[in-house]
C-alpha atoms as a PDB file:
ATOM      1  CA  MET A   1      14.116   7.402  -5.574  1.00  0.00           C
ATOM      2  CA  SER A   2      12.650   5.119  -8.535  1.00  0.00           C
ATOM      3  CA  LEU A   3       8.834   6.919  -8.558  1.00  0.00           C
ATOM      4  CA  ASP A   4       8.528   8.107 -12.142  1.00  0.00           C
ATOM      5  CA  PRO A   5       5.780  11.386 -11.341  1.00  0.00           C
ATOM      6  CA  GLN A   6       4.492  11.634 -14.812  1.00  0.00           C
ATOM      7  CA  PRO A   7       2.187   8.581 -14.653  1.00  0.00           C
ATOM      8  CA  LEU A   8       1.796   9.150 -10.840  1.00  0.00           C
ATOM      9  CA  ALA A   9       1.946  12.406  -9.781  1.00  0.00           C
ATOM     10  CA  PRO A  10      -1.390  13.761 -11.436  1.00  0.00           C
ATOM     11  CA  ALA A  11      -3.144  10.993 -10.201  1.00  0.00           C
ATOM     12  CA  LEU A  12      -1.672  11.741  -6.020  1.00  0.00           C
ATOM     13  CA  GLU A  13      -2.695  15.012  -6.608  1.00  0.00           C
ATOM     14  CA  ALA A  14      -5.865  14.671  -7.919  1.00  0.00           C
ATOM     15  CA  ALA A  15      -6.227  12.424  -4.962  1.00  0.00           C
ATOM     16  CA  GLU A  16      -4.901  14.903  -2.554  1.00  0.00           C
ATOM     17  CA  ALA A  17      -7.353  18.048  -4.327  1.00  0.00           C
ATOM     18  CA  ALA A  18     -10.248  15.033  -3.216  1.00  0.00           C
ATOM     19  CA  GLY A  19      -9.956  15.190   0.500  1.00  0.00           C
ATOM     20  CA  TRP A  20      -7.831  11.673   0.340  1.00  0.00           C
ATOM     21  CA  THR A  21      -4.220  11.494   2.342  1.00  0.00           C
ATOM     22  CA  THR A  22      -1.611   9.818  -0.336  1.00  0.00           C
ATOM     23  CA  VAL A  23       1.247   8.068   0.892  1.00  0.00           C
ATOM     24  CA  ARG A  24       4.291   6.553  -1.093  1.00  0.00           C
ATOM     25  CA  LEU A  25       5.320   3.539  -0.220  1.00  0.00           C
ATOM     26  CA  ASP A  26       8.915   2.986  -2.373  1.00  0.00           C
ATOM     27  CA  LEU A  27       9.968  -0.425  -2.449  1.00  0.00           C
ATOM     28  CA  ASP A  28      13.175   0.102  -4.663  1.00  0.00           C
ATOM     29  CA  GLY A  29      16.073  -2.020  -2.990  1.00  0.00           C
ATOM     30  CA  VAL A  30      13.945  -3.943  -0.491  1.00  0.00           C
ATOM     31  CA  ARG A  31      14.974  -7.429  -0.594  1.00  0.00           C
ATOM     32  CA  GLY A  32      13.891  -8.894   2.573  1.00  0.00           C
ATOM     33  CA  LYS A  33      11.243  -8.779   5.064  1.00  0.00           C
ATOM     34  CA  ALA A  34      12.574  -6.474   7.983  1.00  0.00           C
ATOM     35  CA  GLU A  35      13.448  -3.719   5.330  1.00  0.00           C
ATOM     36  CA  LEU A  36      10.320  -4.085   3.615  1.00  0.00           C
ATOM     37  CA  MET A  37       8.412  -3.221   7.484  1.00  0.00           C
ATOM     38  CA  ARG A  38      10.854  -0.941   8.158  1.00  0.00           C
ATOM     39  CA  ARG A  39       9.765   1.479   4.427  1.00  0.00           C
ATOM     40  CA  CYS A  40       6.577   0.353   5.473  1.00  0.00           C
ATOM     41  CA  GLY A  41       6.628   2.207   8.652  1.00  0.00           C
ATOM     42  CA  GLY A  42       7.870   5.032   7.507  1.00  0.00           C
ATOM     43  CA  ALA A  43       5.816   5.793   4.633  1.00  0.00           C
ATOM     44  CA  LEU A  44       2.625   5.016   6.877  1.00  0.00           C
ATOM     45  CA  ARG A  45       3.860   6.745   9.858  1.00  0.00           C
ATOM     46  CA  LEU A  46       3.361   3.304  11.628  1.00  0.00           C
ATOM     47  CA  PRO A  47       3.112   3.872  15.781  1.00  0.00           C
ATOM     48  CA  GLU A  48       5.987   2.292  17.607  1.00  0.00           C
ATOM     49  CA  TRP A  49       3.623  -0.239  18.791  1.00  0.00           C
ATOM     50  CA  VAL A  50       3.378  -1.486  14.893  1.00  0.00           C
ATOM     51  CA  GLY A  51       5.898  -4.921  15.332  1.00  0.00           C
ATOM     52  CA  GLY A  52       7.722  -6.158  12.475  1.00  0.00           C
ATOM     53  CA  ASN A  53       5.137  -8.905  11.570  1.00  0.00           C
ATOM     54  CA  TRP A  54       2.357  -9.579   8.926  1.00  0.00           C
ATOM     55  CA  ASP A  55      -0.169  -9.560  11.937  1.00  0.00           C
ATOM     56  CA  ALA A  56       0.367  -6.806  13.389  1.00  0.00           C
ATOM     57  CA  LEU A  57       0.824  -4.767   9.842  1.00  0.00           C
ATOM     58  CA  ALA A  58      -2.536  -6.021   9.200  1.00  0.00           C
ATOM     59  CA  ASP A  59      -4.233  -4.872  12.500  1.00  0.00           C
ATOM     60  CA  ALA A  60      -2.199  -1.053  11.843  1.00  0.00           C
ATOM     61  CA  LEU A  61      -4.222  -1.381   8.800  1.00  0.00           C
ATOM     62  CA  ARG A  62      -7.380  -1.451   9.799  1.00  0.00           C
ATOM     63  CA  ASP A  63      -7.056   1.616  12.497  1.00  0.00           C
ATOM     64  CA  LEU A  64      -4.887   4.316  10.201  1.00  0.00           C
ATOM     65  CA  SER A  65      -6.094   7.064  13.273  1.00  0.00           C
ATOM     66  CA  TRP A  66      -2.723   8.408  13.212  1.00  0.00           C
ATOM     67  CA  LEU A  67      -3.028   8.718   9.016  1.00  0.00           C
ATOM     68  CA  PRO A  68      -6.360  11.249   9.304  1.00  0.00           C
ATOM     69  CA  VAL A  69      -8.314  11.983   5.922  1.00  0.00           C
ATOM     70  CA  PRO A  70      -7.571  15.739   5.707  1.00  0.00           C
ATOM     71  CA  PRO A  71     -10.260  18.348   7.459  1.00  0.00           C
ATOM     72  CA  GLY A  72     -12.883  18.193   4.977  1.00  0.00           C
ATOM     73  CA  GLY A  73     -11.737  14.936   2.929  1.00  0.00           C
ATOM     74  CA  ASP A  74     -14.456  12.479   1.906  1.00  0.00           C
ATOM     75  CA  GLY A  75     -12.308  10.334   0.553  1.00  0.00           C
ATOM     76  CA  GLY A  76      -9.574   8.280   2.605  1.00  0.00           C
ATOM     77  CA  TRP A  77      -6.002   7.014   1.884  1.00  0.00           C
ATOM     78  CA  LEU A  78      -4.484   6.451  -1.098  1.00  0.00           C
ATOM     79  CA  VAL A  79      -1.262   4.267  -1.134  1.00  0.00           C
ATOM     80  CA  ALA A  80       1.008   4.224  -4.235  1.00  0.00           C
ATOM     81  CA  VAL A  81       3.531   1.404  -4.170  1.00  0.00           C
ATOM     82  CA  THR A  82       5.818   2.261  -6.493  1.00  0.00           C
ATOM     83  CA  SER A  83       9.643  -0.494  -7.465  1.00  0.00           C
ATOM     84  CA  TRP A  84       7.650  -3.331  -5.865  1.00  0.00           C
ATOM     85  CA  ARG A  85       8.944  -6.027  -8.901  1.00  0.00           C
ATOM     86  CA  GLY A  86      12.097  -6.301  -7.537  1.00  0.00           C
ATOM     87  CA  TYR A  87      10.913  -7.299  -4.194  1.00  0.00           C
ATOM     88  CA  ALA A  88       8.488  -9.813  -5.563  1.00  0.00           C
ATOM     89  CA  ALA A  89      10.686 -11.538  -7.410  1.00  0.00           C
ATOM     90  CA  ALA A  90      13.422 -12.107  -4.756  1.00  0.00           C
ATOM     91  CA  ARG A  91      10.953 -12.797  -1.826  1.00  0.00           C
ATOM     92  CA  PRO A  92       7.374 -14.400  -4.069  1.00  0.00           C
ATOM     93  CA  SER A  93       6.089 -15.648  -0.670  1.00  0.00           C
ATOM     94  CA  GLU A  94       6.482 -12.486   1.209  1.00  0.00           C
ATOM     95  CA  TRP A  95       5.294 -10.463  -1.557  1.00  0.00           C
ATOM     96  CA  GLU A  96       2.344 -12.678  -1.835  1.00  0.00           C
ATOM     97  CA  THR A  97       1.670 -12.461   2.033  1.00  0.00           C
ATOM     98  CA  LEU A  98       2.216  -8.467   1.295  1.00  0.00           C
ATOM     99  CA  VAL A  99      -0.665  -8.634  -1.251  1.00  0.00           C
ATOM    100  CA  GLU A 100      -2.689 -10.248   0.764  1.00  0.00           C
ATOM    101  CA  VAL A 101      -2.373  -8.108   4.223  1.00  0.00           C
ATOM    102  CA  LEU A 102      -3.288  -4.772   1.282  1.00  0.00           C
ATOM    103  CA  GLU A 103      -6.218  -6.561  -0.117  1.00  0.00           C
ATOM    104  CA  GLU A 104      -7.621  -8.127   3.092  1.00  0.00           C
ATOM    105  CA  ALA A 105      -7.486  -3.795   4.817  1.00  0.00           C
ATOM    106  CA  VAL A 106      -8.798  -2.997   1.186  1.00  0.00           C
ATOM    107  CA  ASP A 107     -11.639  -5.135   1.830  1.00  0.00           C
ATOM    108  CA  PHE A 108     -11.845  -4.283   5.776  1.00  0.00           C
ATOM    109  CA  TRP A 109     -12.081  -0.267   5.167  1.00  0.00           C
ATOM    110  CA  ARG A 110     -14.558  -0.526   1.676  1.00  0.00           C
ATOM    111  CA  GLY A 111     -16.791  -2.969   4.206  1.00  0.00           C
ATOM    112  CA  ARG A 112     -17.644  -0.395   6.789  1.00  0.00           C
ATOM    113  CA  GLY A 113     -20.447   1.065   4.304  1.00  0.00           C
ATOM    114  CA  PRO A 114     -20.652   4.165   1.834  1.00  0.00           C
ATOM    115  CA  GLY A 115     -19.914   7.740   3.127  1.00  0.00           C
ATOM    116  CA  GLY A 116     -16.661   6.492   5.125  1.00  0.00           C
ATOM    117  CA  PRO A 117     -13.525   6.891   4.257  1.00  0.00           C
ATOM    118  CA  GLU A 118     -11.779   4.107   2.012  1.00  0.00           C
ATOM    119  CA  LEU A 119      -7.998   2.430   1.698  1.00  0.00           C
ATOM    120  CA  VAL A 120      -6.970   2.201  -1.757  1.00  0.00           C
ATOM    121  CA  VAL A 121      -3.655   0.685  -2.481  1.00  0.00           C
ATOM    122  CA  VAL A 122      -2.296   1.125  -6.343  1.00  0.00           C
ATOM    123  CA  LEU A 123       0.429  -0.940  -7.485  1.00  0.00           C
ATOM    124  CA  ALA A 124       2.270   1.699  -9.678  1.00  0.00           C
ATOM    125  CA  GLY A 125       4.845   0.480 -12.385  1.00  0.00           C
ATOM    126  CA  ALA A 126       7.568   3.303 -13.525  1.00  0.00           C
ATOM    127  CA  GLY A 127       7.133   4.859 -16.849  1.00  0.00           C
ATOM    128  CA  ALA A 128       8.839   4.346 -20.130  1.00  0.00           C
ATOM    129  CA  GLY A 129      12.948   4.341 -19.798  1.00  0.00           C
ATOM    130  CA  ALA A 130      16.010   3.031 -18.887  1.00  0.00           C
ATOM    131  CA  GLY A 131      14.724   0.193 -15.767  1.00  0.00           C
ATOM    132  CA  ALA A 132      11.565   0.649 -16.252  1.00  0.00           C
ATOM    133  CA  GLU A 133       9.019  -1.923 -14.700  1.00  0.00           C
ATOM    134  CA  ALA A 134       6.470  -3.431 -17.482  1.00  0.00           C
ATOM    135  CA  GLY A 135       3.240  -2.078 -17.123  1.00  0.00           C
ATOM    136  CA  PRO A 136       0.770  -0.860 -14.520  1.00  0.00           C
ATOM    137  CA  GLY A 137       0.113  -3.434 -11.390  1.00  0.00           C
ATOM    138  CA  PRO A 138      -2.968  -4.491 -10.377  1.00  0.00           C
ATOM    139  CA  VAL A 139      -4.982  -2.791  -7.563  1.00  0.00           C
ATOM    140  CA  ALA A 140      -5.268  -4.047  -4.149  1.00  0.00           C
ATOM    141  CA  GLY A 141      -9.267  -4.640  -3.325  1.00  0.00           C
ATOM    142  CA  ALA A 142      -9.748  -5.319  -7.097  1.00  0.00           C
ATOM    143  CA  PRO A 143     -11.982  -9.159  -7.785  1.00  0.00           C
ATOM    144  CA  PRO A 144     -11.131 -10.512  -4.060  1.00  0.00           C
ATOM    145  CA  ARG A 145      -9.660 -13.613  -4.442  1.00  0.00           C
ATOM    146  CA  THR A 146      -9.579 -16.098  -1.440  1.00  0.00           C
ATOM    147  CA  PRO A 147      -6.562 -15.730   1.295  1.00  0.00           C
ATOM    148  CA  ARG A 148      -4.262 -18.451   2.027  1.00  0.00           C
ATOM    149  CA  LEU A 149      -3.938 -16.905   5.209  1.00  0.00           C
ATOM    150  CA  LYS A 150      -5.981 -16.357   8.148  1.00  0.00           C
ATOM    151  CA  ARG A 151      -3.660 -15.084  10.462  1.00  0.00           C
ATOM    152  CA  ARG A 152       0.139 -14.715   9.405  1.00  0.00           C
ATOM    153  CA  ARG A 153       2.709 -15.157  12.050  1.00  0.00           C
ATOM    154  CA  GLY A 154       6.129 -13.901  11.862  1.00  0.00           C
END
């Protein structure tokens, strides 16, 4: 796994201590949509009904009932996407669609009002060293942008 534990591990531990469910979505070696969907399915423990298309992933991220918030937790879900730059470079259009899906899911959970669970997605960069990604990535759901598509196909 390409996750550099020093910068990200303390943040994940703090989130877990605060009652958040944490998920690491490692995209190392992903160069196509089919593999991306498999990685999402495994990391997010998606139910079998979630198909390998954008709309199904978007729908699943608005449910998350199978990925409960820990007992007593007031937070929600923190998804740390790591080693994403290779996929973003290999498939820029698909990457843009994935970011759009993630932003829409973050906005959906944020829009449910205060006191409810939230979804936070962090695009994490690797730490310093050989093969490191340059700098941290943006946070999905930061200032909203106008989505390119309302419903995705495929």
